[in-house]
Amino acid sequence: MSADLARRTVPGGWVLDDRTRHVLRYATGATLAMGAAMALAWPIAYLAPVLCLSFLGAPKPPPSLREGALFLGILAVALVVGLWAIKYLLGSQLVFFAGFGLILLRVFYAQCSGAPPILILWLLLAILVLPMVAVQSPDIAVLVSRALFVGAAASLIAAWVAYAIFPETRSAPKVAAEDKPLASARERLGQALERMVVVYPLFVLFHLFEWSGALLVLIFVALLSIQPGFAENFKGGIAMILGNTMGGLAAIAGFNALTVVPELSFLLLLCFLGGLLFGSRLTGGSKFAPLFGMAYSTMLLILGSTTTGEGEAGSAAYMRILQIMIAVVYVVTAFGLLRRWRNAGGE
């Protein structure tokens, strides 16, 4: 009976095992999100396919309607409160930076306490992007907050559709629940402070000098900082650089192909083929498997941002790769120095 569940027949008559089903779901969800982003073209829409992968990377049941509604509800409340806070705090830089630091620490503490990673990811995007945009124009900040909510909803819907087309089987390997005992409140606070020490100074610099053109560096620094590998293993960052480089090269190859065939259908085909290629490696069980997930995210980010932007897209693709590399090197170095300082203090 379990063998029958593990190998289901799709409408066309093909028989899919669990791993193939996972790979197809992974590629399909990202492609659907990219299609929605390109067709509707809301601000920063290119983030939707990248963030959709957060729902699809692991072989697990999709978020329920209740979980999805709760996720969007929390995000909406956070965006509204964030816009209100920014409006009243930007008048005093000292109060603003102090308030931002407390909010950032609270988000990192929630992440260390087991909050859903996808929620932490979107909250970080909101609290990092909105203040930078609000300095230029409060109206644009409102527009970006709406775009973040639309992007979250689009990524969630794309994931649901992908799960509907290629559903999980009962015999599929499930991601084990957190069986590690939760760290003490003091340990969680220490972990959150480490992440804050890495991200907070960079945010202050970006805000003071209004480096909005390199905002992707700040975003990637925050997203990479919540990955435990950086905090635990200094050498792990080298592998992350390799993964981003692979994705960047794939994006450049895809962009060059798009200059020959500049059609939306061809872009979606490239996204789907990339999902199949990187997804099969991601689910292969190798110790290097996570690198291929990062590579696919980088490929989608660069292809999406350069095809929706203006100007010379080729140079923009290389700039995106450079920004991602800067973020990776910064996070690896910062956590490495913190780790050495912590170890030296314990001796």
Protein backbone atom coordinates (compact mmCIF):
# COMPACT_ATOMS: atom_id res chain seq x y z
CA MET A 1 0.00 0.00 0.00
CA SER A 2 2.80 2.43 0.88
CA ALA A 3 4.44 1.79 -2.48
CA ASP A 4 1.21 2.80 -4.20
CA LEU A 5 1.10 5.98 -2.18
CA ALA A 6 4.72 6.76 -2.94
CA ARG A 7 4.15 6.34 -6.67
CA ARG A 8 1.04 8.12 -7.89
CA THR A 9 -0.06 8.52 -11.46
CA VAL A 10 -0.59 12.03 -12.81
CA PRO A 11 -3.44 12.74 -15.28
CA GLY A 12 -1.17 12.17 -18.26
CA GLY A 13 -0.40 8.66 -17.11
CA TRP A 14 3.11 9.25 -15.80
CA VAL A 15 4.09 7.73 -12.50
CA LEU A 16 5.89 10.08 -10.10
CA ASP A 17 7.86 9.13 -7.05
CA ASP A 18 8.06 11.45 -4.05
CA ARG A 19 11.33 13.08 -4.98
CA THR A 20 10.21 13.83 -8.55
CA ARG A 21 6.96 15.23 -7.20
CA HIS A 22 8.93 17.50 -4.86
CA VAL A 23 11.21 18.76 -7.65
CA LEU A 24 8.29 19.45 -10.00
CA ARG A 25 6.43 21.28 -7.22
CA TYR A 26 9.55 23.33 -6.46
CA ALA A 27 10.03 24.39 -10.09
CA THR A 28 6.32 24.94 -10.75
CA GLY A 29 5.75 27.16 -7.72
CA ALA A 30 8.69 29.43 -8.50
CA THR A 31 7.65 29.66 -12.16
CA LEU A 32 4.06 30.56 -11.26
CA ALA A 33 5.28 33.26 -8.87
CA MET A 34 7.60 34.63 -11.55
CA GLY A 35 4.74 34.66 -14.05
CA ALA A 36 2.53 36.59 -11.63
CA ALA A 37 5.36 39.02 -10.88
CA MET A 38 6.05 39.70 -14.54
CA ALA A 39 2.37 39.96 -15.51
CA LEU A 40 1.20 42.19 -12.65
CA ALA A 41 4.51 44.04 -12.19
CA TRP A 42 3.89 45.51 -8.74
CA PRO A 43 6.91 47.22 -7.10
CA ILE A 44 9.72 44.79 -6.11
CA ALA A 45 7.62 41.99 -7.61
CA TYR A 46 10.79 40.07 -8.45
CA LEU A 47 11.09 39.04 -4.79
CA ALA A 48 7.94 36.89 -4.98
CA PRO A 49 9.44 33.84 -6.79
CA VAL A 50 12.48 33.90 -4.52
CA LEU A 51 10.40 33.99 -1.35
CA CYS A 52 7.96 31.42 -2.72
CA LEU A 53 10.77 28.89 -2.42
CA SER A 54 10.55 29.20 1.35
CA PHE A 55 7.24 27.32 1.15
CA LEU A 56 8.55 24.71 -1.29
CA GLY A 57 12.14 23.89 -0.33
CA ALA A 58 11.36 21.07 2.11
CA PRO A 59 9.10 18.03 1.54
CA LYS A 60 6.34 18.97 3.95
CA PRO A 61 2.61 19.67 3.83
CA PRO A 62 1.60 23.10 2.49
CA PRO A 63 0.49 25.83 4.89
CA SER A 64 -3.17 25.40 5.77
CA LEU A 65 -5.69 28.13 5.01
CA ARG A 66 -5.62 29.10 8.67
CA GLU A 67 -1.82 29.25 8.75
CA GLY A 68 -1.73 31.25 5.52
CA ALA A 69 -4.35 33.70 6.76
CA LEU A 70 -2.52 34.06 10.08
CA PHE A 71 0.77 34.70 8.27
CA LEU A 72 -0.77 37.41 6.06
CA GLY A 73 -2.63 38.91 9.01
CA ILE A 74 0.50 39.22 11.14
CA LEU A 75 2.39 40.71 8.21
CA ALA A 76 -0.38 43.23 7.53
CA VAL A 77 -0.47 44.33 11.17
CA ALA A 78 3.33 44.61 11.24
CA LEU A 79 3.33 46.75 8.09
CA VAL A 80 0.64 49.09 9.40
CA VAL A 81 2.32 49.45 12.80
CA GLY A 82 5.68 49.90 11.08
CA LEU A 83 4.40 52.71 8.89
CA TRP A 84 2.83 54.40 11.91
CA ALA A 85 6.01 54.08 13.95
CA ILE A 86 8.21 55.36 11.13
CA LYS A 87 5.96 58.41 10.71
CA TYR A 88 6.47 59.47 14.33
CA LEU A 89 10.01 58.27 14.96
CA LEU A 90 11.83 59.64 11.92
CA GLY A 91 11.71 63.13 13.41
CA SER A 92 14.42 62.16 15.92
CA GLN A 93 17.28 59.99 14.72
CA LEU A 94 18.26 58.97 18.23
CA VAL A 95 14.76 57.77 19.09
CA PHE A 96 14.36 56.18 15.67
CA PHE A 97 17.60 54.17 15.85
CA ALA A 98 16.85 53.09 19.42
CA GLY A 99 13.35 51.98 18.47
CA PHE A 100 14.59 50.18 15.38
CA GLY A 101 17.23 48.36 17.41
CA LEU A 102 14.61 47.10 19.87
CA ILE A 103 12.33 45.93 17.06
CA LEU A 104 15.18 44.19 15.28
CA LEU A 105 16.24 42.47 18.50
CA ARG A 106 12.65 41.32 19.09
CA VAL A 107 12.40 39.82 15.60
CA PHE A 108 15.69 37.97 16.00
CA TYR A 109 14.62 36.74 19.44
CA ALA A 110 11.38 35.40 17.94
CA GLN A 111 13.44 33.63 15.26
CA CYS A 112 15.68 32.04 17.90
CA SER A 113 12.55 31.00 19.82
CA GLY A 114 11.18 28.96 16.91
CA ALA A 115 8.93 31.43 15.08
CA PRO A 116 8.07 30.38 11.48
CA PRO A 117 11.07 31.19 9.24
CA ILE A 118 8.87 32.56 6.45
CA LEU A 119 7.30 35.07 8.87
CA ILE A 120 10.70 36.18 10.16
CA LEU A 121 11.90 36.58 6.59
CA TRP A 122 9.04 38.88 5.60
CA LEU A 123 9.22 40.87 8.84
CA LEU A 124 12.92 41.52 8.25
CA LEU A 125 12.16 42.70 4.73
CA ALA A 126 9.53 45.09 6.06
CA ILE A 127 11.55 46.65 8.88
CA LEU A 128 14.65 47.07 6.72
CA VAL A 129 13.08 48.37 3.52
CA LEU A 130 10.32 50.67 4.77
CA PRO A 131 12.51 53.09 6.81
CA MET A 132 14.96 53.48 3.92
CA VAL A 133 12.13 54.28 1.52
CA ALA A 134 10.28 56.53 3.99
CA VAL A 135 13.27 58.88 4.19
CA GLN A 136 12.80 59.63 0.49
CA SER A 137 8.99 59.72 0.50
CA PRO A 138 6.32 58.55 2.98
CA ASP A 139 3.98 57.94 0.05
CA ILE A 140 6.49 55.58 -1.54
CA ALA A 141 6.82 53.76 1.79
CA VAL A 142 3.06 53.12 1.77
CA LEU A 143 3.34 51.86 -1.81
CA VAL A 144 6.21 49.52 -0.91
CA SER A 145 4.36 48.18 2.14
CA ARG A 146 1.43 47.29 -0.09
CA ALA A 147 3.84 45.67 -2.55
CA LEU A 148 5.34 43.55 0.22
CA PHE A 149 1.90 42.34 1.24
CA VAL A 150 0.93 41.58 -2.37
CA GLY A 151 4.23 39.74 -2.85
CA ALA A 152 3.63 37.65 0.26
CA ALA A 153 0.13 36.75 -0.89
CA ALA A 154 1.34 35.94 -4.42
CA SER A 155 4.13 33.69 -3.17
CA LEU A 156 1.74 31.87 -0.84
CA ILE A 157 -0.89 31.38 -3.56
CA ALA A 158 1.74 30.13 -6.03
CA ALA A 159 2.91 27.60 -3.43
CA TRP A 160 -0.67 26.43 -2.81
CA VAL A 161 -1.25 25.96 -6.55
CA ALA A 162 2.01 24.01 -6.89
CA TYR A 163 0.97 21.76 -3.99
CA ALA A 164 -2.44 21.26 -5.62
CA ILE A 165 -0.82 20.13 -8.87
CA PHE A 166 1.82 17.95 -7.20
CA PRO A 167 0.45 17.12 -3.72
CA GLU A 168 2.41 15.46 -0.95
CA THR A 169 1.88 11.72 -0.56
CA ARG A 170 1.33 10.12 2.80
CA SER A 171 4.56 8.19 2.48
CA ALA A 172 6.68 11.23 1.58
CA PRO A 173 9.49 11.89 4.07
CA LYS A 174 8.41 14.64 6.41
CA VAL A 175 10.66 17.25 7.92
CA ALA A 176 11.22 16.23 11.48
CA ALA A 177 9.75 18.52 14.08
CA GLU A 178 12.09 20.41 16.32
CA ASP A 179 13.22 17.63 18.64
CA LYS A 180 16.09 19.68 20.03
CA PRO A 181 15.19 21.23 23.37
CA LEU A 182 14.57 24.94 23.11
CA ALA A 183 17.50 26.98 24.36
CA SER A 184 17.08 28.94 27.56
CA ALA A 185 15.84 32.52 27.40
CA ARG A 186 19.37 33.76 28.13
CA GLU A 187 20.87 31.68 25.30
CA ARG A 188 18.18 32.82 22.87
CA LEU A 189 18.81 36.43 23.84
CA GLY A 190 22.53 35.93 23.24
CA GLN A 191 21.88 34.47 19.78
CA ALA A 192 19.52 37.34 18.95
CA LEU A 193 22.09 39.89 20.11
CA GLU A 194 24.73 38.32 17.86
CA ARG A 195 22.47 38.69 14.83
CA MET A 196 21.59 42.24 15.81
CA VAL A 197 25.27 43.19 16.20
CA VAL A 198 25.83 42.06 12.60
CA VAL A 199 22.81 43.77 11.02
CA TYR A 200 22.20 46.90 13.11
CA PRO A 201 25.43 48.87 12.39
CA LEU A 202 25.01 48.28 8.68
CA PHE A 203 21.43 49.56 8.79
CA VAL A 204 22.56 52.72 10.60
CA LEU A 205 25.20 53.38 7.94
CA PHE A 206 22.73 52.76 5.11
CA HIS A 207 20.21 55.09 6.72
CA LEU A 208 22.63 57.89 7.53
CA PHE A 209 24.22 57.92 4.07
CA GLU A 210 20.99 57.00 2.23
CA TRP A 211 22.54 54.10 0.34
CA SER A 212 19.19 53.04 -1.08
CA GLY A 213 20.80 51.98 -4.36
CA ALA A 214 22.61 49.15 -2.57
CA LEU A 215 19.65 48.12 -0.41
CA LEU A 216 19.95 44.54 -1.66
CA VAL A 217 23.19 44.22 0.32
CA LEU A 218 21.41 45.11 3.56
CA ILE A 219 18.53 42.74 2.78
CA PHE A 220 20.85 39.83 2.07
CA VAL A 221 22.91 40.53 5.19
CA ALA A 222 19.74 40.28 7.28
CA LEU A 223 18.48 37.13 5.55
CA LEU A 224 21.85 35.40 5.75
CA SER A 225 22.22 36.32 9.41
CA ILE A 226 19.23 34.16 10.37
CA GLN A 227 20.84 31.08 8.85
CA PRO A 228 22.53 29.17 11.68
CA GLY A 229 25.40 27.95 9.52
CA PHE A 230 26.95 31.40 9.52
CA ALA A 231 26.86 31.67 13.28
CA GLU A 232 28.23 28.18 13.87
CA ASN A 233 30.72 27.64 11.08
CA PHE A 234 32.99 30.33 9.66
CA LYS A 235 34.01 28.14 6.72
CA GLY A 236 30.40 27.60 5.69
CA GLY A 237 30.36 31.04 4.10
CA ILE A 238 32.76 29.91 1.38
CA ALA A 239 30.21 27.36 0.27
CA MET A 240 27.53 30.06 0.28
CA ILE A 241 29.67 32.22 -2.00
CA LEU A 242 30.01 29.28 -4.38
CA GLY A 243 26.26 28.74 -4.38
CA ASN A 244 25.57 32.39 -5.18
CA THR A 245 28.22 32.32 -7.89
CA MET A 246 26.56 29.32 -9.52
CA GLY A 247 23.22 31.10 -9.45
CA GLY A 248 24.76 34.28 -10.84
CA LEU A 249 26.35 32.45 -13.74
CA ALA A 250 23.07 30.68 -14.47
CA ALA A 251 21.27 34.05 -14.43
CA ILE A 252 23.78 35.58 -16.85
CA ALA A 253 23.38 32.63 -19.20
CA GLY A 254 19.61 32.95 -18.94
CA PHE A 255 19.70 36.68 -19.53
CA ASN A 256 21.86 36.26 -22.64
CA ALA A 257 19.35 33.73 -23.93
CA LEU A 258 16.53 36.19 -23.23
CA THR A 259 18.22 38.84 -25.40
CA VAL A 260 17.80 36.41 -28.28
CA VAL A 261 14.24 35.37 -27.39
CA PRO A 262 12.76 38.27 -25.36
CA GLU A 263 9.45 36.59 -24.54
CA LEU A 264 7.71 36.06 -21.20
CA SER A 265 7.01 32.44 -22.09
CA PHE A 266 10.73 31.85 -22.65
CA LEU A 267 11.59 33.49 -19.31
CA LEU A 268 9.13 31.18 -17.57
CA LEU A 269 10.60 28.20 -19.40
CA LEU A 270 14.07 29.16 -18.16
CA CYS A 271 12.75 29.47 -14.61
CA PHE A 272 11.09 26.06 -14.82
CA LEU A 273 14.16 24.37 -16.29
CA GLY A 274 16.34 26.04 -13.66
CA GLY A 275 13.98 24.77 -10.97
CA LEU A 276 14.24 21.23 -12.31
CA LEU A 277 18.03 21.40 -12.50
CA PHE A 278 18.70 22.97 -9.11
CA GLY A 279 15.74 21.27 -7.46
CA SER A 280 16.98 17.81 -8.40
CA ARG A 281 20.32 18.66 -6.78
CA LEU A 282 18.63 20.21 -3.75
CA THR A 283 16.68 17.02 -3.08
CA GLY A 284 19.58 14.69 -3.86
CA GLY A 285 20.64 14.24 -0.26
CA SER A 286 24.20 15.50 -0.73
CA LYS A 287 25.84 17.61 1.96
CA PHE A 288 26.17 20.30 -0.70
CA ALA A 289 22.43 20.20 -1.50
CA PRO A 290 21.57 23.56 0.21
CA LEU A 291 23.96 25.35 -2.14
CA PHE A 292 21.73 24.55 -5.09
CA GLY A 293 18.72 26.05 -3.33
CA MET A 294 20.70 29.27 -2.83
CA ALA A 295 21.86 29.13 -6.45
CA TYR A 296 18.29 28.91 -7.73
CA SER A 297 17.19 31.79 -5.48
CA THR A 298 20.03 33.92 -6.83
CA MET A 299 19.16 33.01 -10.40
CA LEU A 300 15.51 34.01 -9.89
CA LEU A 301 16.43 37.23 -8.10
CA ILE A 302 18.79 38.41 -10.82
CA LEU A 303 16.58 37.38 -13.73
CA GLY A 304 13.52 38.96 -12.13
CA SER A 305 15.17 42.22 -11.14
CA THR A 306 16.99 42.77 -14.41
CA THR A 307 14.03 41.93 -16.66
CA THR A 308 11.73 44.32 -14.76
CA GLY A 309 14.26 47.14 -14.36
CA GLU A 310 15.35 49.91 -16.66
CA GLY A 311 18.72 50.64 -18.19
CA GLU A 312 21.47 48.22 -19.14
CA ALA A 313 20.23 44.92 -17.77
CA GLY A 314 23.49 43.11 -18.46
CA SER A 315 25.50 45.38 -16.18
CA ALA A 316 22.69 45.23 -13.64
CA ALA A 317 23.03 41.45 -13.50
CA TYR A 318 26.73 41.73 -12.67
CA MET A 319 25.95 44.43 -10.08
CA ARG A 320 23.42 42.14 -8.41
CA ILE A 321 26.04 39.39 -8.19
CA LEU A 322 28.55 41.84 -6.73
CA GLN A 323 26.04 43.04 -4.12
CA ILE A 324 25.22 39.48 -3.09
CA MET A 325 28.92 38.65 -2.80
CA ILE A 326 29.51 41.74 -0.62
CA ALA A 327 26.67 40.67 1.67
CA VAL A 328 28.00 37.12 1.98
CA VAL A 329 31.55 38.24 2.70
CA TYR A 330 30.33 40.76 5.29
CA VAL A 331 28.16 38.22 7.14
CA VAL A 332 30.85 35.53 7.10
CA THR A 333 33.48 37.96 8.37
CA ALA A 334 31.25 39.52 11.03
CA PHE A 335 30.12 36.19 12.46
CA GLY A 336 33.66 34.87 12.28
CA LEU A 337 34.97 37.79 14.31
CA LEU A 338 32.15 37.44 16.82
CA ARG A 339 32.88 33.74 17.17
CA ARG A 340 36.58 34.38 17.76
CA TRP A 341 35.81 37.10 20.29
CA ARG A 342 33.38 34.82 22.11
CA ASN A 343 35.88 31.95 22.17
CA ALA A 344 38.67 34.27 23.36
CA GLY A 345 36.44 35.51 26.16
CA GLY A 346 35.78 31.96 27.29
CA GLU A 347 39.43 31.05 27.59
